[in-house]
Amino acid sequence: MAEETDLEIEETGGSKKKLIIIIAAAVLVLGGVAGFFLFSGSDAPEESLAEETTASEVKAEQGSAAQMGSALYVAMPRPFVFNVPGASRDRIVQIKVQLLVRGDVNEEVAKKHIPLIEGTLLSVFSTTTADELSTSAGKETLRLTALDKVQAAMEGVEGSKVIERVLFTGFVMQ
């Protein structure tokens, strides 16, 4: 009987030691994390502080653009399907297009002028070749040219560019 009570005392003593070790480890970890956050200040030189100021100015400009309106996407009702000449043979291209506009007013204006935008995009797309469209640089050039032409057409009709970006959401060439 005396042996059983000695075993119980030893078991409770061991669990108290484990508890103390766990608490000490937790305090050390929390102390290390707190020390890291307290002592990790900005050691950046003056140049990077100037870059941070420039970055904050850019964010302020973007904030003013966001005040114009949130980004909205106007999908063209149907994909553009057209033939393009290639070096070895003619190809058929299908492009799905969406337009990025800012604000509800520009969205309504873009929707109102979808036939004008479609005609402008089709005239731009028909001037390209399969060799140009086979590279990513050629696709990007086509997208930028389309943006310039659409903005010019919208400025002629509405007096403002309305469209911020032309996005290709689907591109297939056979």
C-alpha atoms as a PDB file:
ATOM      1  CA  MET A   1       0.000   0.000   0.000  1.00  0.00           C
ATOM      2  CA  ALA A   2       2.845   2.371   0.791  1.00  0.00           C
ATOM      3  CA  GLU A   3       4.344   1.636  -2.612  1.00  0.00           C
ATOM      4  CA  GLU A   4       1.099   2.659  -4.370  1.00  0.00           C
ATOM      5  CA  THR A   5       1.019   6.074  -2.666  1.00  0.00           C
ATOM      6  CA  ASP A   6       4.669   6.660  -3.587  1.00  0.00           C
ATOM      7  CA  LEU A   7       3.832   5.966  -7.250  1.00  0.00           C
ATOM      8  CA  GLU A   8       0.927   8.420  -7.190  1.00  0.00           C
ATOM      9  CA  ILE A   9       3.151  11.139  -5.745  1.00  0.00           C
ATOM     10  CA  GLU A  10       5.776  10.568  -8.396  1.00  0.00           C
ATOM     11  CA  GLU A  11       3.181  10.701 -11.202  1.00  0.00           C
ATOM     12  CA  THR A  12       1.735  14.013 -10.032  1.00  0.00           C
ATOM     13  CA  GLY A  13       5.216  15.458  -9.571  1.00  0.00           C
ATOM     14  CA  GLY A  14       6.122  14.517 -13.168  1.00  0.00           C
ATOM     15  CA  SER A  15       3.010  16.149 -14.595  1.00  0.00           C
ATOM     16  CA  LYS A  16       3.769  19.336 -12.654  1.00  0.00           C
ATOM     17  CA  LYS A  17       7.261  19.394 -14.160  1.00  0.00           C
ATOM     18  CA  LYS A  18       5.814  18.938 -17.660  1.00  0.00           C
ATOM     19  CA  LEU A  19       3.331  21.745 -17.056  1.00  0.00           C
ATOM     20  CA  ILE A  20       6.099  24.077 -15.873  1.00  0.00           C
ATOM     21  CA  ILE A  21       8.234  23.224 -18.935  1.00  0.00           C
ATOM     22  CA  ILE A  22       5.309  23.858 -21.319  1.00  0.00           C
ATOM     23  CA  ILE A  23       4.509  27.211 -19.689  1.00  0.00           C
ATOM     24  CA  ALA A  24       8.177  28.257 -19.813  1.00  0.00           C
ATOM     25  CA  ALA A  25       8.394  27.325 -23.519  1.00  0.00           C
ATOM     26  CA  ALA A  26       5.226  29.296 -24.298  1.00  0.00           C
ATOM     27  CA  VAL A  27       6.575  32.371 -22.464  1.00  0.00           C
ATOM     28  CA  LEU A  28       9.849  32.143 -24.389  1.00  0.00           C
ATOM     29  CA  VAL A  29       8.079  31.874 -27.740  1.00  0.00           C
ATOM     30  CA  LEU A  30       5.751  34.788 -26.979  1.00  0.00           C
ATOM     31  CA  GLY A  31       8.684  36.849 -25.708  1.00  0.00           C
ATOM     32  CA  GLY A  32      10.621  36.115 -28.892  1.00  0.00           C
ATOM     33  CA  VAL A  33       7.692  37.136 -31.101  1.00  0.00           C
ATOM     34  CA  ALA A  34       7.119  40.325 -29.095  1.00  0.00           C
ATOM     35  CA  GLY A  35      10.832  41.172 -29.266  1.00  0.00           C
ATOM     36  CA  PHE A  36      10.858  40.628 -33.019  1.00  0.00           C
ATOM     37  CA  PHE A  37       7.992  43.056 -33.571  1.00  0.00           C
ATOM     38  CA  LEU A  38       9.408  45.632 -31.172  1.00  0.00           C
ATOM     39  CA  PHE A  39      12.942  45.670 -32.535  1.00  0.00           C
ATOM     40  CA  SER A  40      12.255  45.197 -36.258  1.00  0.00           C
ATOM     41  CA  GLY A  41      12.155  48.848 -37.237  1.00  0.00           C
ATOM     42  CA  SER A  42      12.782  50.354 -40.640  1.00  0.00           C
ATOM     43  CA  ASP A  43      16.528  50.430 -41.320  1.00  0.00           C
ATOM     44  CA  ALA A  44      15.887  51.746 -44.830  1.00  0.00           C
ATOM     45  CA  PRO A  45      18.201  54.427 -46.209  1.00  0.00           C
ATOM     46  CA  GLU A  46      16.934  57.810 -47.397  1.00  0.00           C
ATOM     47  CA  GLU A  47      16.506  56.593 -51.008  1.00  0.00           C
ATOM     48  CA  SER A  48      14.005  53.911 -50.097  1.00  0.00           C
ATOM     49  CA  LEU A  49      12.120  56.422 -47.950  1.00  0.00           C
ATOM     50  CA  ALA A  50      11.820  58.609 -51.054  1.00  0.00           C
ATOM     51  CA  GLU A  51      10.594  55.571 -53.007  1.00  0.00           C
ATOM     52  CA  GLU A  52       8.007  54.941 -50.296  1.00  0.00           C
ATOM     53  CA  THR A  53       6.823  58.536 -50.661  1.00  0.00           C
ATOM     54  CA  THR A  54       6.579  58.089 -54.431  1.00  0.00           C
ATOM     55  CA  ALA A  55       4.662  54.844 -53.922  1.00  0.00           C
ATOM     56  CA  SER A  56       2.226  56.628 -51.609  1.00  0.00           C
ATOM     57  CA  GLU A  57       1.730  59.337 -54.249  1.00  0.00           C
ATOM     58  CA  VAL A  58       0.961  56.656 -56.847  1.00  0.00           C
ATOM     59  CA  LYS A  59      -1.553  55.087 -54.472  1.00  0.00           C
ATOM     60  CA  ALA A  60      -3.164  58.502 -54.004  1.00  0.00           C
ATOM     61  CA  GLU A  61      -3.465  58.888 -57.785  1.00  0.00           C
ATOM     62  CA  GLN A  62      -5.005  55.436 -58.012  1.00  0.00           C
ATOM     63  CA  GLY A  63      -7.392  56.431 -55.243  1.00  0.00           C
ATOM     64  CA  SER A  64      -8.507  59.423 -57.315  1.00  0.00           C
ATOM     65  CA  ALA A  65      -9.097  57.055 -60.241  1.00  0.00           C
ATOM     66  CA  ALA A  66     -11.171  54.872 -57.941  1.00  0.00           C
ATOM     67  CA  GLN A  67     -13.202  57.942 -57.016  1.00  0.00           C
ATOM     68  CA  MET A  68     -14.159  58.261 -60.690  1.00  0.00           C
ATOM     69  CA  GLY A  69     -15.893  54.931 -60.330  1.00  0.00           C
ATOM     70  CA  SER A  70     -15.264  51.308 -59.731  1.00  0.00           C
ATOM     71  CA  ALA A  71     -13.928  49.040 -62.446  1.00  0.00           C
ATOM     72  CA  LEU A  72     -16.725  47.476 -64.462  1.00  0.00           C
ATOM     73  CA  TYR A  73     -16.509  45.082 -67.379  1.00  0.00           C
ATOM     74  CA  VAL A  74     -18.685  45.298 -70.459  1.00  0.00           C
ATOM     75  CA  ALA A  75     -18.724  42.057 -72.419  1.00  0.00           C
ATOM     76  CA  MET A  76     -19.166  42.146 -76.153  1.00  0.00           C
ATOM     77  CA  PRO A  77     -22.365  40.224 -76.920  1.00  0.00           C
ATOM     78  CA  ARG A  78     -20.712  37.753 -79.301  1.00  0.00           C
ATOM     79  CA  PRO A  79     -17.145  36.697 -80.059  1.00  0.00           C
ATOM     80  CA  PHE A  80     -15.361  38.062 -83.109  1.00  0.00           C
ATOM     81  CA  VAL A  81     -14.765  35.386 -85.752  1.00  0.00           C
ATOM     82  CA  PHE A  82     -12.681  36.337 -88.797  1.00  0.00           C
ATOM     83  CA  ASN A  83     -10.136  35.036 -91.314  1.00  0.00           C
ATOM     84  CA  VAL A  84      -6.501  36.105 -91.277  1.00  0.00           C
ATOM     85  CA  PRO A  85      -3.902  35.390 -93.951  1.00  0.00           C
ATOM     86  CA  GLY A  86      -0.918  33.298 -92.949  1.00  0.00           C
ATOM     87  CA  ALA A  87       2.408  32.383 -94.547  1.00  0.00           C
ATOM     88  CA  SER A  88       1.412  28.802 -95.311  1.00  0.00           C
ATOM     89  CA  ARG A  89      -2.391  29.053 -95.187  1.00  0.00           C
ATOM     90  CA  ASP A  90      -5.252  31.227 -94.028  1.00  0.00           C
ATOM     91  CA  ARG A  91      -6.450  30.844 -90.451  1.00  0.00           C
ATOM     92  CA  ILE A  92      -9.726  31.407 -88.639  1.00  0.00           C
ATOM     93  CA  VAL A  93      -9.529  33.403 -85.409  1.00  0.00           C
ATOM     94  CA  GLN A  94     -12.098  33.742 -82.635  1.00  0.00           C
ATOM     95  CA  ILE A  95     -11.595  36.436 -79.998  1.00  0.00           C
ATOM     96  CA  LYS A  96     -13.866  37.089 -77.010  1.00  0.00           C
ATOM     97  CA  VAL A  97     -13.552  40.680 -75.820  1.00  0.00           C
ATOM     98  CA  GLN A  98     -14.485  42.563 -72.665  1.00  0.00           C
ATOM     99  CA  LEU A  99     -14.021  46.273 -72.052  1.00  0.00           C
ATOM    100  CA  LEU A 100     -12.848  47.782 -68.773  1.00  0.00           C
ATOM    101  CA  VAL A 101     -14.679  51.011 -67.917  1.00  0.00           C
ATOM    102  CA  ARG A 102     -14.817  53.121 -64.757  1.00  0.00           C
ATOM    103  CA  GLY A 103     -18.167  53.960 -63.206  1.00  0.00           C
ATOM    104  CA  ASP A 104     -21.781  53.294 -64.019  1.00  0.00           C
ATOM    105  CA  VAL A 105     -22.038  56.223 -66.425  1.00  0.00           C
ATOM    106  CA  ASN A 106     -19.201  54.933 -68.625  1.00  0.00           C
ATOM    107  CA  GLU A 107     -20.694  51.441 -68.500  1.00  0.00           C
ATOM    108  CA  GLU A 108     -24.001  52.732 -69.860  1.00  0.00           C
ATOM    109  CA  VAL A 109     -22.246  54.778 -72.553  1.00  0.00           C
ATOM    110  CA  ALA A 110     -20.206  51.739 -73.644  1.00  0.00           C
ATOM    111  CA  LYS A 111     -23.320  49.548 -73.789  1.00  0.00           C
ATOM    112  CA  LYS A 112     -25.099  52.214 -75.824  1.00  0.00           C
ATOM    113  CA  HIS A 113     -22.286  52.256 -78.412  1.00  0.00           C
ATOM    114  CA  ILE A 114     -21.637  48.504 -78.722  1.00  0.00           C
ATOM    115  CA  PRO A 115     -22.258  48.491 -82.516  1.00  0.00           C
ATOM    116  CA  LEU A 116     -19.654  51.252 -82.985  1.00  0.00           C
ATOM    117  CA  ILE A 117     -17.175  49.404 -80.748  1.00  0.00           C
ATOM    118  CA  GLU A 118     -17.772  46.094 -82.547  1.00  0.00           C
ATOM    119  CA  GLY A 119     -17.233  47.705 -85.950  1.00  0.00           C
ATOM    120  CA  THR A 120     -14.047  49.396 -84.795  1.00  0.00           C
ATOM    121  CA  LEU A 121     -12.670  46.193 -83.267  1.00  0.00           C
ATOM    122  CA  LEU A 122     -13.508  44.159 -86.365  1.00  0.00           C
ATOM    123  CA  SER A 123     -11.723  46.637 -88.612  1.00  0.00           C
ATOM    124  CA  VAL A 124      -8.635  46.468 -86.370  1.00  0.00           C
ATOM    125  CA  PHE A 125      -8.717  42.669 -86.156  1.00  0.00           C
ATOM    126  CA  SER A 126      -9.021  42.262 -89.929  1.00  0.00           C
ATOM    127  CA  THR A 127      -5.747  44.125 -90.538  1.00  0.00           C
ATOM    128  CA  THR A 128      -3.590  41.556 -88.722  1.00  0.00           C
ATOM    129  CA  THR A 129      -1.970  38.345 -89.965  1.00  0.00           C
ATOM    130  CA  ALA A 130      -1.706  34.850 -88.541  1.00  0.00           C
ATOM    131  CA  ASP A 131       2.047  35.262 -88.107  1.00  0.00           C
ATOM    132  CA  GLU A 132       1.507  38.308 -85.884  1.00  0.00           C
ATOM    133  CA  LEU A 133      -1.160  36.548 -83.823  1.00  0.00           C
ATOM    134  CA  SER A 134       1.017  33.495 -83.217  1.00  0.00           C
ATOM    135  CA  THR A 135       3.228  35.420 -80.762  1.00  0.00           C
ATOM    136  CA  SER A 136       2.265  36.952 -77.433  1.00  0.00           C
ATOM    137  CA  ALA A 137       3.864  40.251 -78.479  1.00  0.00           C
ATOM    138  CA  GLY A 138       1.662  40.296 -81.586  1.00  0.00           C
ATOM    139  CA  LYS A 139      -1.461  39.698 -79.495  1.00  0.00           C
ATOM    140  CA  GLU A 140      -0.472  42.490 -77.115  1.00  0.00           C
ATOM    141  CA  THR A 141       0.156  44.853 -80.034  1.00  0.00           C
ATOM    142  CA  LEU A 142      -3.254  43.985 -81.463  1.00  0.00           C
ATOM    143  CA  ARG A 143      -4.891  44.614 -78.076  1.00  0.00           C
ATOM    144  CA  LEU A 144      -3.186  48.011 -77.692  1.00  0.00           C
ATOM    145  CA  THR A 145      -4.048  49.022 -81.262  1.00  0.00           C
ATOM    146  CA  ALA A 146      -7.658  48.010 -80.636  1.00  0.00           C
ATOM    147  CA  LEU A 147      -7.705  50.110 -77.468  1.00  0.00           C
ATOM    148  CA  ASP A 148      -6.352  53.180 -79.294  1.00  0.00           C
ATOM    149  CA  LYS A 149      -8.881  52.870 -82.140  1.00  0.00           C
ATOM    150  CA  VAL A 150     -11.843  52.273 -79.799  1.00  0.00           C
ATOM    151  CA  GLN A 151     -10.858  55.211 -77.592  1.00  0.00           C
ATOM    152  CA  ALA A 152     -10.527  57.436 -80.668  1.00  0.00           C
ATOM    153  CA  ALA A 153     -13.962  56.352 -81.938  1.00  0.00           C
ATOM    154  CA  MET A 154     -15.578  56.940 -78.542  1.00  0.00           C
ATOM    155  CA  GLU A 155     -13.917  60.319 -78.182  1.00  0.00           C
ATOM    156  CA  GLY A 156     -15.297  61.311 -81.574  1.00  0.00           C
ATOM    157  CA  VAL A 157     -18.839  60.381 -80.547  1.00  0.00           C
ATOM    158  CA  GLU A 158     -18.996  61.048 -76.797  1.00  0.00           C
ATOM    159  CA  GLY A 159     -16.153  63.515 -76.243  1.00  0.00           C
ATOM    160  CA  SER A 160     -14.333  61.200 -73.776  1.00  0.00           C
ATOM    161  CA  LYS A 161     -12.391  57.975 -74.079  1.00  0.00           C
ATOM    162  CA  VAL A 162     -14.870  55.965 -71.913  1.00  0.00           C
ATOM    163  CA  ILE A 163     -12.943  52.664 -72.403  1.00  0.00           C
ATOM    164  CA  GLU A 164      -9.904  52.142 -70.167  1.00  0.00           C
ATOM    165  CA  ARG A 165      -8.759  48.738 -71.451  1.00  0.00           C
ATOM    166  CA  VAL A 166      -9.635  46.151 -74.079  1.00  0.00           C
ATOM    167  CA  LEU A 167      -9.277  42.630 -72.684  1.00  0.00           C
ATOM    168  CA  PHE A 168      -9.096  39.398 -74.671  1.00  0.00           C
ATOM    169  CA  THR A 169     -10.938  36.837 -72.535  1.00  0.00           C
ATOM    170  CA  GLY A 170     -10.829  34.123 -75.176  1.00  0.00           C
ATOM    171  CA  PHE A 171      -8.449  33.642 -78.082  1.00  0.00           C
ATOM    172  CA  VAL A 172      -8.568  30.712 -80.506  1.00  0.00           C
ATOM    173  CA  MET A 173      -6.716  30.412 -83.824  1.00  0.00           C
ATOM    174  CA  GLN A 174      -7.221  27.405 -86.093  1.00  0.00           C
END
